[in-house]
Amino acid sequence: MATTATTTYRPTVLWHGMGDSCCYPFSMGRLQKLIESELPGVYVYSIEIGNNEEEDQLNSFFKNVNEQVDDVCQKLKADPQLSSGFNAMGFSQVLMTKNFL
């Protein structure tokens, strides 16, 4: 009887840079799909600061940085799929990304 080994990947958190959004299909949305296709079954959480892509993009410029970090930390703590750790990728938000690590 053959056995199939399954690989479990550590979840990945993405934080876009200024002027971008979590989910635009030509930027972070594309990166999320690429990670998911290369690591089947991986959980990818792309950070959104706001209620939609437009608000997310505007907040990347205009929302107070400390409020952004607080919001993200609350979202990450509340996500049970991230409770055992995750990999993080920040694009131009590296200094902010370090705050939730």
PDB file of N, CA and C in Angstrom:
ATOM      1  N   MET A   1       0.842  -1.170   0.000  1.00  0.00           N
ATOM      2  CA  MET A   1       0.000   0.000   0.000  1.00  0.00           C
ATOM      3  C   MET A   1       0.894   1.242   0.000  1.00  0.00           C
ATOM      4  N   ALA A   2       0.643   2.123  -0.921  1.00  0.00           N
ATOM      5  CA  ALA A   2       1.436   3.352  -1.029  1.00  0.00           C
ATOM      6  C   ALA A   2       0.897   4.399  -0.071  1.00  0.00           C
ATOM      7  N   THR A   3       1.793   5.147   0.498  1.00  0.00           N
ATOM      8  CA  THR A   3       1.385   6.255   1.360  1.00  0.00           C
ATOM      9  C   THR A   3       1.744   7.562   0.672  1.00  0.00           C
ATOM     10  N   THR A   4       0.951   8.538   0.915  1.00  0.00           N
ATOM     11  CA  THR A   4       1.183   9.855   0.338  1.00  0.00           C
ATOM     12  C   THR A   4       1.592  10.802   1.440  1.00  0.00           C
ATOM     13  N   ALA A   5       2.752  11.396   1.289  1.00  0.00           N
ATOM     14  CA  ALA A   5       3.211  12.382   2.267  1.00  0.00           C
ATOM     15  C   ALA A   5       2.563  13.719   1.944  1.00  0.00           C
ATOM     16  N   THR A   6       2.061  14.374   2.954  1.00  0.00           N
ATOM     17  CA  THR A   6       1.498  15.703   2.758  1.00  0.00           C
ATOM     18  C   THR A   6       2.388  16.716   3.458  1.00  0.00           C
ATOM     19  N   THR A   7       2.521  17.848   2.830  1.00  0.00           N
ATOM     20  CA  THR A   7       3.328  18.914   3.386  1.00  0.00           C
ATOM     21  C   THR A   7       2.413  20.002   3.900  1.00  0.00           C
ATOM     22  N   THR A   8       2.663  20.421   5.110  1.00  0.00           N
ATOM     23  CA  THR A   8       1.917  21.540   5.675  1.00  0.00           C
ATOM     24  C   THR A   8       2.834  22.744   5.675  1.00  0.00           C
ATOM     25  N   TYR A   9       2.378  23.805   5.061  1.00  0.00           N
ATOM     26  CA  TYR A   9       3.183  25.016   4.971  1.00  0.00           C
ATOM     27  C   TYR A   9       2.769  26.017   6.044  1.00  0.00           C
ATOM     28  N   ARG A  10       3.756  26.727   6.545  1.00  0.00           N
ATOM     29  CA  ARG A  10       3.488  27.793   7.512  1.00  0.00           C
ATOM     30  C   ARG A  10       2.711  28.897   6.791  1.00  0.00           C
ATOM     31  N   PRO A  11       1.674  29.442   7.413  1.00  0.00           N
ATOM     32  CA  PRO A  11       0.912  30.524   6.780  1.00  0.00           C
ATOM     33  C   PRO A  11       1.809  31.709   6.419  1.00  0.00           C
ATOM     34  N   THR A  12       1.359  32.468   5.441  1.00  0.00           N
ATOM     35  CA  THR A  12       2.103  33.645   4.986  1.00  0.00           C
ATOM     36  C   THR A  12       1.217  34.876   5.103  1.00  0.00           C
ATOM     37  N   VAL A  13       1.783  35.940   5.659  1.00  0.00           N
ATOM     38  CA  VAL A  13       1.096  37.226   5.771  1.00  0.00           C
ATOM     39  C   VAL A  13       1.783  38.198   4.824  1.00  0.00           C
ATOM     40  N   LEU A  14       0.992  38.891   4.007  1.00  0.00           N
ATOM     41  CA  LEU A  14       1.497  39.892   3.071  1.00  0.00           C
ATOM     42  C   LEU A  14       1.022  41.267   3.495  1.00  0.00           C
ATOM     43  N   TRP A  15       1.924  42.248   3.459  1.00  0.00           N
ATOM     44  CA  TRP A  15       1.539  43.640   3.718  1.00  0.00           C
ATOM     45  C   TRP A  15       2.069  44.480   2.562  1.00  0.00           C
ATOM     46  N   HIS A  16       1.142  45.052   1.813  1.00  0.00           N
ATOM     47  CA  HIS A  16       1.490  45.827   0.621  1.00  0.00           C
ATOM     48  C   HIS A  16       2.127  47.167   0.989  1.00  0.00           C
ATOM     49  N   GLY A  17       2.719  47.775  -0.005  1.00  0.00           N
ATOM     50  CA  GLY A  17       3.347  49.075   0.184  1.00  0.00           C
ATOM     51  C   GLY A  17       2.376  50.223  -0.037  1.00  0.00           C
ATOM     52  N   MET A  18       2.900  51.413   0.109  1.00  0.00           N
ATOM     53  CA  MET A  18       2.084  52.619  -0.069  1.00  0.00           C
ATOM     54  C   MET A  18       1.575  52.702  -1.501  1.00  0.00           C
ATOM     55  N   GLY A  19       0.300  53.054  -1.625  1.00  0.00           N
ATOM     56  CA  GLY A  19      -0.312  53.219  -2.929  1.00  0.00           C
ATOM     57  C   GLY A  19      -0.821  51.939  -3.549  1.00  0.00           C
ATOM     58  N   ASP A  20      -0.624  50.838  -2.874  1.00  0.00           N
ATOM     59  CA  ASP A  20      -1.093  49.544  -3.372  1.00  0.00           C
ATOM     60  C   ASP A  20      -2.292  49.122  -2.531  1.00  0.00           C
ATOM     61  N   SER A  21      -2.804  47.959  -2.789  1.00  0.00           N
ATOM     62  CA  SER A  21      -3.897  47.389  -2.017  1.00  0.00           C
ATOM     63  C   SER A  21      -3.639  45.903  -1.831  1.00  0.00           C
ATOM     64  N   CYS A  22      -4.318  45.339  -0.870  1.00  0.00           N
ATOM     65  CA  CYS A  22      -4.137  43.919  -0.567  1.00  0.00           C
ATOM     66  C   CYS A  22      -4.457  43.011  -1.730  1.00  0.00           C
ATOM     67  N   CYS A  23      -5.347  43.450  -2.585  1.00  0.00           N
ATOM     68  CA  CYS A  23      -5.982  42.464  -3.455  1.00  0.00           C
ATOM     69  C   CYS A  23      -5.994  42.795  -4.940  1.00  0.00           C
ATOM     70  N   TYR A  24      -5.364  43.881  -5.339  1.00  0.00           N
ATOM     71  CA  TYR A  24      -5.361  44.183  -6.774  1.00  0.00           C
ATOM     72  C   TYR A  24      -4.793  42.996  -7.545  1.00  0.00           C
ATOM     73  N   PRO A  25      -5.488  42.543  -8.591  1.00  0.00           N
ATOM     74  CA  PRO A  25      -5.055  41.341  -9.302  1.00  0.00           C
ATOM     75  C   PRO A  25      -3.736  41.499 -10.054  1.00  0.00           C
ATOM     76  N   PHE A  26      -3.280  42.736 -10.232  1.00  0.00           N
ATOM     77  CA  PHE A  26      -2.025  42.970 -10.948  1.00  0.00           C
ATOM     78  C   PHE A  26      -0.846  43.181  -9.993  1.00  0.00           C
ATOM     79  N   SER A  27      -1.091  43.103  -8.687  1.00  0.00           N
ATOM     80  CA  SER A  27       0.012  43.287  -7.738  1.00  0.00           C
ATOM     81  C   SER A  27      -0.088  42.261  -6.616  1.00  0.00           C
ATOM     82  N   MET A  28      -0.578  42.644  -5.445  1.00  0.00           N
ATOM     83  CA  MET A  28      -0.588  41.738  -4.298  1.00  0.00           C
ATOM     84  C   MET A  28      -1.519  40.547  -4.505  1.00  0.00           C
ATOM     85  N   GLY A  29      -2.621  40.758  -5.174  1.00  0.00           N
ATOM     86  CA  GLY A  29      -3.509  39.639  -5.478  1.00  0.00           C
ATOM     87  C   GLY A  29      -2.805  38.596  -6.333  1.00  0.00           C
ATOM     88  N   ARG A  30      -1.997  39.076  -7.264  1.00  0.00           N
ATOM     89  CA  ARG A  30      -1.227  38.165  -8.119  1.00  0.00           C
ATOM     90  C   ARG A  30      -0.168  37.423  -7.305  1.00  0.00           C
ATOM     91  N   LEU A  31       0.497  38.144  -6.406  1.00  0.00           N
ATOM     92  CA  LEU A  31       1.504  37.501  -5.559  1.00  0.00           C
ATOM     93  C   LEU A  31       0.859  36.444  -4.667  1.00  0.00           C
ATOM     94  N   GLN A  32      -0.310  36.750  -4.122  1.00  0.00           N
ATOM     95  CA  GLN A  32      -1.010  35.775  -3.291  1.00  0.00           C
ATOM     96  C   GLN A  32      -1.318  34.513  -4.094  1.00  0.00           C
ATOM     97  N   LYS A  33      -1.826  34.680  -5.296  1.00  0.00           N
ATOM     98  CA  LYS A  33      -2.140  33.519  -6.147  1.00  0.00           C
ATOM     99  C   LYS A  33      -0.882  32.722  -6.482  1.00  0.00           C
ATOM    100  N   LEU A  34       0.233  33.411  -6.705  1.00  0.00           N
ATOM    101  CA  LEU A  34       1.486  32.734  -7.005  1.00  0.00           C
ATOM    102  C   LEU A  34       1.943  31.884  -5.825  1.00  0.00           C
ATOM    103  N   ILE A  35       1.900  32.445  -4.628  1.00  0.00           N
ATOM    104  CA  ILE A  35       2.289  31.694  -3.432  1.00  0.00           C
ATOM    105  C   ILE A  35       1.378  30.485  -3.253  1.00  0.00           C
ATOM    106  N   GLU A  36       0.084  30.694  -3.425  1.00  0.00           N
ATOM    107  CA  GLU A  36      -0.876  29.595  -3.263  1.00  0.00           C
ATOM    108  C   GLU A  36      -0.661  28.501  -4.313  1.00  0.00           C
ATOM    109  N   SER A  37      -0.252  28.885  -5.518  1.00  0.00           N
ATOM    110  CA  SER A  37      -0.030  27.856  -6.548  1.00  0.00           C
ATOM    111  C   SER A  37       1.277  27.094  -6.311  1.00  0.00           C
ATOM    112  N   GLU A  38       2.274  27.761  -5.750  1.00  0.00           N
ATOM    113  CA  GLU A  38       3.559  27.110  -5.487  1.00  0.00           C
ATOM    114  C   GLU A  38       3.531  26.277  -4.209  1.00  0.00           C
ATOM    115  N   LEU A  39       2.688  26.646  -3.260  1.00  0.00           N
ATOM    116  CA  LEU A  39       2.587  25.944  -1.977  1.00  0.00           C
ATOM    117  C   LEU A  39       1.137  25.514  -1.766  1.00  0.00           C
ATOM    118  N   PRO A  40       0.707  24.456  -2.411  1.00  0.00           N
ATOM    119  CA  PRO A  40      -0.695  24.038  -2.347  1.00  0.00           C
ATOM    120  C   PRO A  40      -1.184  23.885  -0.901  1.00  0.00           C
ATOM    121  N   GLY A  41      -2.313  24.505  -0.639  1.00  0.00           N
ATOM    122  CA  GLY A  41      -2.926  24.402   0.677  1.00  0.00           C
ATOM    123  C   GLY A  41      -2.448  25.436   1.678  1.00  0.00           C
ATOM    124  N   VAL A  42      -1.480  26.270   1.306  1.00  0.00           N
ATOM    125  CA  VAL A  42      -0.970  27.277   2.236  1.00  0.00           C
ATOM    126  C   VAL A  42      -2.049  28.337   2.480  1.00  0.00           C
ATOM    127  N   TYR A  43      -2.082  28.832   3.706  1.00  0.00           N
ATOM    128  CA  TYR A  43      -2.984  29.932   4.056  1.00  0.00           C
ATOM    129  C   TYR A  43      -2.227  31.238   3.858  1.00  0.00           C
ATOM    130  N   VAL A  44      -2.770  32.123   3.022  1.00  0.00           N
ATOM    131  CA  VAL A  44      -2.158  33.425   2.779  1.00  0.00           C
ATOM    132  C   VAL A  44      -3.147  34.504   3.217  1.00  0.00           C
ATOM    133  N   TYR A  45      -2.668  35.367   4.111  1.00  0.00           N
ATOM    134  CA  TYR A  45      -3.477  36.488   4.598  1.00  0.00           C
ATOM    135  C   TYR A  45      -2.840  37.765   4.075  1.00  0.00           C
ATOM    136  N   SER A  46      -3.547  38.462   3.203  1.00  0.00           N
ATOM    137  CA  SER A  46      -3.061  39.719   2.652  1.00  0.00           C
ATOM    138  C   SER A  46      -3.756  40.852   3.404  1.00  0.00           C
ATOM    139  N   ILE A  47      -2.968  41.652   4.096  1.00  0.00           N
ATOM    140  CA  ILE A  47      -3.494  42.678   4.999  1.00  0.00           C
ATOM    141  C   ILE A  47      -4.240  43.763   4.226  1.00  0.00           C
ATOM    142  N   GLU A  48      -5.427  44.064   4.722  1.00  0.00           N
ATOM    143  CA  GLU A  48      -6.258  45.133   4.171  1.00  0.00           C
ATOM    144  C   GLU A  48      -6.551  46.117   5.295  1.00  0.00           C
ATOM    145  N   ILE A  49      -6.199  47.377   5.073  1.00  0.00           N
ATOM    146  CA  ILE A  49      -6.474  48.426   6.052  1.00  0.00           C
ATOM    147  C   ILE A  49      -7.672  49.205   5.530  1.00  0.00           C
ATOM    148  N   GLY A  50      -8.847  48.761   5.895  1.00  0.00           N
ATOM    149  CA  GLY A  50     -10.086  49.368   5.415  1.00  0.00           C
ATOM    150  C   GLY A  50     -11.081  48.296   5.036  1.00  0.00           C
ATOM    151  N   ASN A  51     -12.154  48.729   4.418  1.00  0.00           N
ATOM    152  CA  ASN A  51     -13.249  47.814   4.093  1.00  0.00           C
ATOM    153  C   ASN A  51     -13.281  47.393   2.631  1.00  0.00           C
ATOM    154  N   ASN A  52     -12.408  47.957   1.809  1.00  0.00           N
ATOM    155  CA  ASN A  52     -12.360  47.605   0.395  1.00  0.00           C
ATOM    156  C   ASN A  52     -11.008  48.028  -0.170  1.00  0.00           C
ATOM    157  N   GLU A  53     -10.767  47.689  -1.426  1.00  0.00           N
ATOM    158  CA  GLU A  53      -9.462  47.956  -2.032  1.00  0.00           C
ATOM    159  C   GLU A  53      -9.149  49.450  -2.098  1.00  0.00           C
ATOM    160  N   GLU A  54     -10.142  50.251  -2.446  1.00  0.00           N
ATOM    161  CA  GLU A  54      -9.912  51.701  -2.549  1.00  0.00           C
ATOM    162  C   GLU A  54      -9.557  52.302  -1.191  1.00  0.00           C
ATOM    163  N   GLU A  55     -10.310  51.934  -0.173  1.00  0.00           N
ATOM    164  CA  GLU A  55     -10.033  52.429   1.177  1.00  0.00           C
ATOM    165  C   GLU A  55      -8.658  51.950   1.660  1.00  0.00           C
ATOM    166  N   ASP A  56      -8.326  50.715   1.340  1.00  0.00           N
ATOM    167  CA  ASP A  56      -7.028  50.159   1.695  1.00  0.00           C
ATOM    168  C   ASP A  56      -5.906  50.985   1.072  1.00  0.00           C
ATOM    169  N   GLN A  57      -6.053  51.309  -0.209  1.00  0.00           N
ATOM    170  CA  GLN A  57      -5.037  52.088  -0.906  1.00  0.00           C
ATOM    171  C   GLN A  57      -4.909  53.490  -0.298  1.00  0.00           C
ATOM    172  N   LEU A  58      -6.009  54.154  -0.057  1.00  0.00           N
ATOM    173  CA  LEU A  58      -5.971  55.497   0.535  1.00  0.00           C
ATOM    174  C   LEU A  58      -5.370  55.474   1.939  1.00  0.00           C
ATOM    175  N   ASN A  59      -5.727  54.472   2.716  1.00  0.00           N
ATOM    176  CA  ASN A  59      -5.189  54.375   4.078  1.00  0.00           C
ATOM    177  C   ASN A  59      -3.682  54.172   4.080  1.00  0.00           C
ATOM    178  N   SER A  60      -3.146  53.558   3.024  1.00  0.00           N
ATOM    179  CA  SER A  60      -1.696  53.358   2.972  1.00  0.00           C
ATOM    180  C   SER A  60      -0.960  54.696   2.917  1.00  0.00           C
ATOM    181  N   PHE A  61      -1.625  55.729   2.444  1.00  0.00           N
ATOM    182  CA  PHE A  61      -1.045  57.072   2.405  1.00  0.00           C
ATOM    183  C   PHE A  61      -1.431  57.916   3.623  1.00  0.00           C
ATOM    184  N   PHE A  62      -2.684  57.829   4.025  1.00  0.00           N
ATOM    185  CA  PHE A  62      -3.229  58.849   4.918  1.00  0.00           C
ATOM    186  C   PHE A  62      -3.560  58.399   6.340  1.00  0.00           C
ATOM    187  N   LYS A  63      -3.683  57.119   6.582  1.00  0.00           N
ATOM    188  CA  LYS A  63      -4.015  56.669   7.935  1.00  0.00           C
ATOM    189  C   LYS A  63      -2.766  56.711   8.812  1.00  0.00           C
ATOM    190  N   ASN A  64      -2.933  57.135  10.035  1.00  0.00           N
ATOM    191  CA  ASN A  64      -1.834  57.199  10.985  1.00  0.00           C
ATOM    192  C   ASN A  64      -1.134  55.842  11.060  1.00  0.00           C
ATOM    193  N   VAL A  65       0.183  55.859  10.970  1.00  0.00           N
ATOM    194  CA  VAL A  65       0.970  54.621  10.944  1.00  0.00           C
ATOM    195  C   VAL A  65       0.754  53.796  12.201  1.00  0.00           C
ATOM    196  N   ASN A  66       0.707  54.433  13.354  1.00  0.00           N
ATOM    197  CA  ASN A  66       0.492  53.693  14.602  1.00  0.00           C
ATOM    198  C   ASN A  66      -0.877  53.017  14.616  1.00  0.00           C
ATOM    199  N   GLU A  67      -1.874  53.681  14.066  1.00  0.00           N
ATOM    200  CA  GLU A  67      -3.209  53.074  13.976  1.00  0.00           C
ATOM    201  C   GLU A  67      -3.191  51.881  13.017  1.00  0.00           C
ATOM    202  N   GLN A  68      -2.447  52.001  11.931  1.00  0.00           N
ATOM    203  CA  GLN A  68      -2.340  50.879  10.994  1.00  0.00           C
ATOM    204  C   GLN A  68      -1.733  49.664  11.683  1.00  0.00           C
ATOM    205  N   VAL A  69      -0.649  49.882  12.406  1.00  0.00           N
ATOM    206  CA  VAL A  69       0.019  48.779  13.099  1.00  0.00           C
ATOM    207  C   VAL A  69      -0.911  48.167  14.140  1.00  0.00           C
ATOM    208  N   ASP A  70      -1.606  48.998  14.908  1.00  0.00           N
ATOM    209  CA  ASP A  70      -2.553  48.482  15.908  1.00  0.00           C
ATOM    210  C   ASP A  70      -3.647  47.648  15.256  1.00  0.00           C
ATOM    211  N   ASP A  71      -4.206  48.159  14.152  1.00  0.00           N
ATOM    212  CA  ASP A  71      -5.259  47.426  13.438  1.00  0.00           C
ATOM    213  C   ASP A  71      -4.756  46.064  12.961  1.00  0.00           C
ATOM    214  N   VAL A  72      -3.579  46.065  12.375  1.00  0.00           N
ATOM    215  CA  VAL A  72      -3.018  44.820  11.838  1.00  0.00           C
ATOM    216  C   VAL A  72      -2.742  43.830  12.961  1.00  0.00           C
ATOM    217  N   CYS A  73      -2.152  44.293  14.044  1.00  0.00           N
ATOM    218  CA  CYS A  73      -1.862  43.387  15.161  1.00  0.00           C
ATOM    219  C   CYS A  73      -3.144  42.754  15.693  1.00  0.00           C
ATOM    220  N   GLN A  74      -4.214  43.531  15.794  1.00  0.00           N
ATOM    221  CA  GLN A  74      -5.493  42.979  16.262  1.00  0.00           C
ATOM    222  C   GLN A  74      -6.015  41.924  15.294  1.00  0.00           C
ATOM    223  N   LYS A  75      -5.932  42.209  13.991  1.00  0.00           N
ATOM    224  CA  LYS A  75      -6.413  41.248  12.995  1.00  0.00           C
ATOM    225  C   LYS A  75      -5.603  39.951  13.032  1.00  0.00           C
ATOM    226  N   LEU A  76      -4.292  40.083  13.168  1.00  0.00           N
ATOM    227  CA  LEU A  76      -3.446  38.890  13.172  1.00  0.00           C
ATOM    228  C   LEU A  76      -3.670  38.055  14.426  1.00  0.00           C
ATOM    229  N   LYS A  77      -3.821  38.715  15.564  1.00  0.00           N
ATOM    230  CA  LYS A  77      -4.078  37.987  16.815  1.00  0.00           C
ATOM    231  C   LYS A  77      -5.426  37.273  16.783  1.00  0.00           C
ATOM    232  N   ALA A  78      -6.383  37.844  16.072  1.00  0.00           N
ATOM    233  CA  ALA A  78      -7.731  37.276  16.026  1.00  0.00           C
ATOM    234  C   ALA A  78      -7.859  36.122  15.033  1.00  0.00           C
ATOM    235  N   ASP A  79      -6.871  35.931  14.183  1.00  0.00           N
ATOM    236  CA  ASP A  79      -6.953  34.898  13.157  1.00  0.00           C
ATOM    237  C   ASP A  79      -6.384  33.584  13.699  1.00  0.00           C
ATOM    238  N   PRO A  80      -7.215  32.589  13.952  1.00  0.00           N
ATOM    239  CA  PRO A  80      -6.736  31.335  14.530  1.00  0.00           C
ATOM    240  C   PRO A  80      -5.745  30.590  13.635  1.00  0.00           C
ATOM    241  N   GLN A  81      -5.796  30.837  12.339  1.00  0.00           N
ATOM    242  CA  GLN A  81      -4.872  30.151  11.433  1.00  0.00           C
ATOM    243  C   GLN A  81      -3.443  30.681  11.543  1.00  0.00           C
ATOM    244  N   LEU A  82      -3.280  31.800  12.249  1.00  0.00           N
ATOM    245  CA  LEU A  82      -1.953  32.388  12.415  1.00  0.00           C
ATOM    246  C   LEU A  82      -1.401  32.198  13.822  1.00  0.00           C
ATOM    247  N   SER A  83      -2.167  31.539  14.676  1.00  0.00           N
ATOM    248  CA  SER A  83      -1.815  31.441  16.097  1.00  0.00           C
ATOM    249  C   SER A  83      -0.543  30.645  16.370  1.00  0.00           C
ATOM    250  N   SER A  84      -0.144  29.781  15.454  1.00  0.00           N
ATOM    251  CA  SER A  84       1.070  28.988  15.661  1.00  0.00           C
ATOM    252  C   SER A  84       2.270  29.554  14.912  1.00  0.00           C
ATOM    253  N   GLY A  85       2.133  30.765  14.411  1.00  0.00           N
ATOM    254  CA  GLY A  85       3.227  31.420  13.703  1.00  0.00           C
ATOM    255  C   GLY A  85       2.951  31.559  12.222  1.00  0.00           C
ATOM    256  N   PHE A  86       3.740  32.397  11.585  1.00  0.00           N
ATOM    257  CA  PHE A  86       3.567  32.654  10.156  1.00  0.00           C
ATOM    258  C   PHE A  86       4.828  33.286   9.588  1.00  0.00           C
ATOM    259  N   ASN A  87       4.945  33.228   8.279  1.00  0.00           N
ATOM    260  CA  ASN A  87       5.964  33.965   7.549  1.00  0.00           C
ATOM    261  C   ASN A  87       5.353  35.298   7.146  1.00  0.00           C
ATOM    262  N   ALA A  88       6.161  36.340   7.081  1.00  0.00           N
ATOM    263  CA  ALA A  88       5.651  37.663   6.717  1.00  0.00           C
ATOM    264  C   ALA A  88       6.483  38.254   5.592  1.00  0.00           C
ATOM    265  N   MET A  89       5.785  38.900   4.661  1.00  0.00           N
ATOM    266  CA  MET A  89       6.431  39.625   3.574  1.00  0.00           C
ATOM    267  C   MET A  89       5.857  41.027   3.555  1.00  0.00           C
ATOM    268  N   GLY A  90       6.707  42.024   3.708  1.00  0.00           N
ATOM    269  CA  GLY A  90       6.276  43.417   3.666  1.00  0.00           C
ATOM    270  C   GLY A  90       6.920  44.125   2.492  1.00  0.00           C
ATOM    271  N   PHE A  91       6.139  44.902   1.787  1.00  0.00           N
ATOM    272  CA  PHE A  91       6.626  45.637   0.625  1.00  0.00           C
ATOM    273  C   PHE A  91       6.570  47.123   0.936  1.00  0.00           C
ATOM    274  N   SER A  92       7.703  47.699   1.147  1.00  0.00           N
ATOM    275  CA  SER A  92       7.923  49.097   1.521  1.00  0.00           C
ATOM    276  C   SER A  92       7.312  49.436   2.879  1.00  0.00           C
ATOM    277  N   GLN A  93       6.749  48.481   3.535  1.00  0.00           N
ATOM    278  CA  GLN A  93       6.188  48.672   4.871  1.00  0.00           C
ATOM    279  C   GLN A  93       7.017  47.866   5.870  1.00  0.00           C
ATOM    280  N   VAL A  94       8.274  47.646   5.556  1.00  0.00           N
ATOM    281  CA  VAL A  94       9.114  46.771   6.362  1.00  0.00           C
ATOM    282  C   VAL A  94       9.187  47.238   7.808  1.00  0.00           C
ATOM    283  N   LEU A  95       9.333  48.528   8.019  1.00  0.00           N
ATOM    284  CA  LEU A  95       9.414  49.019   9.399  1.00  0.00           C
ATOM    285  C   LEU A  95       8.111  48.784  10.147  1.00  0.00           C
ATOM    286  N   MET A  96       7.000  48.849   9.445  1.00  0.00           N
ATOM    287  CA  MET A  96       5.717  48.571  10.095  1.00  0.00           C
ATOM    288  C   MET A  96       5.548  47.073  10.296  1.00  0.00           C
ATOM    289  N   THR A  97       5.975  46.268   9.331  1.00  0.00           N
ATOM    290  CA  THR A  97       5.839  44.824   9.430  1.00  0.00           C
ATOM    291  C   THR A  97       6.581  44.271  10.641  1.00  0.00           C
ATOM    292  N   LYS A  98       7.730  44.829  10.965  1.00  0.00           N
ATOM    293  CA  LYS A  98       8.505  44.347  12.105  1.00  0.00           C
ATOM    294  C   LYS A  98       7.746  44.491  13.425  1.00  0.00           C
ATOM    295  N   ASN A  99       6.776  45.394  13.470  1.00  0.00           N
ATOM    296  CA  ASN A  99       6.027  45.621  14.695  1.00  0.00           C
ATOM    297  C   ASN A  99       5.122  44.466  15.096  1.00  0.00           C
ATOM    298  N   PHE A 100       4.710  43.661  14.150  1.00  0.00           N
ATOM    299  CA  PHE A 100       3.851  42.534  14.524  1.00  0.00           C
ATOM    300  C   PHE A 100       4.604  41.229  14.608  1.00  0.00           C
ATOM    301  N   LEU A 101       5.908  41.276  14.445  1.00  0.00           N
ATOM    302  CA  LEU A 101       6.691  40.047  14.540  1.00  0.00           C
ATOM    303  C   LEU A 101       7.138  39.762  15.923  1.00  0.00           C
TER     304      LEU A 101
END
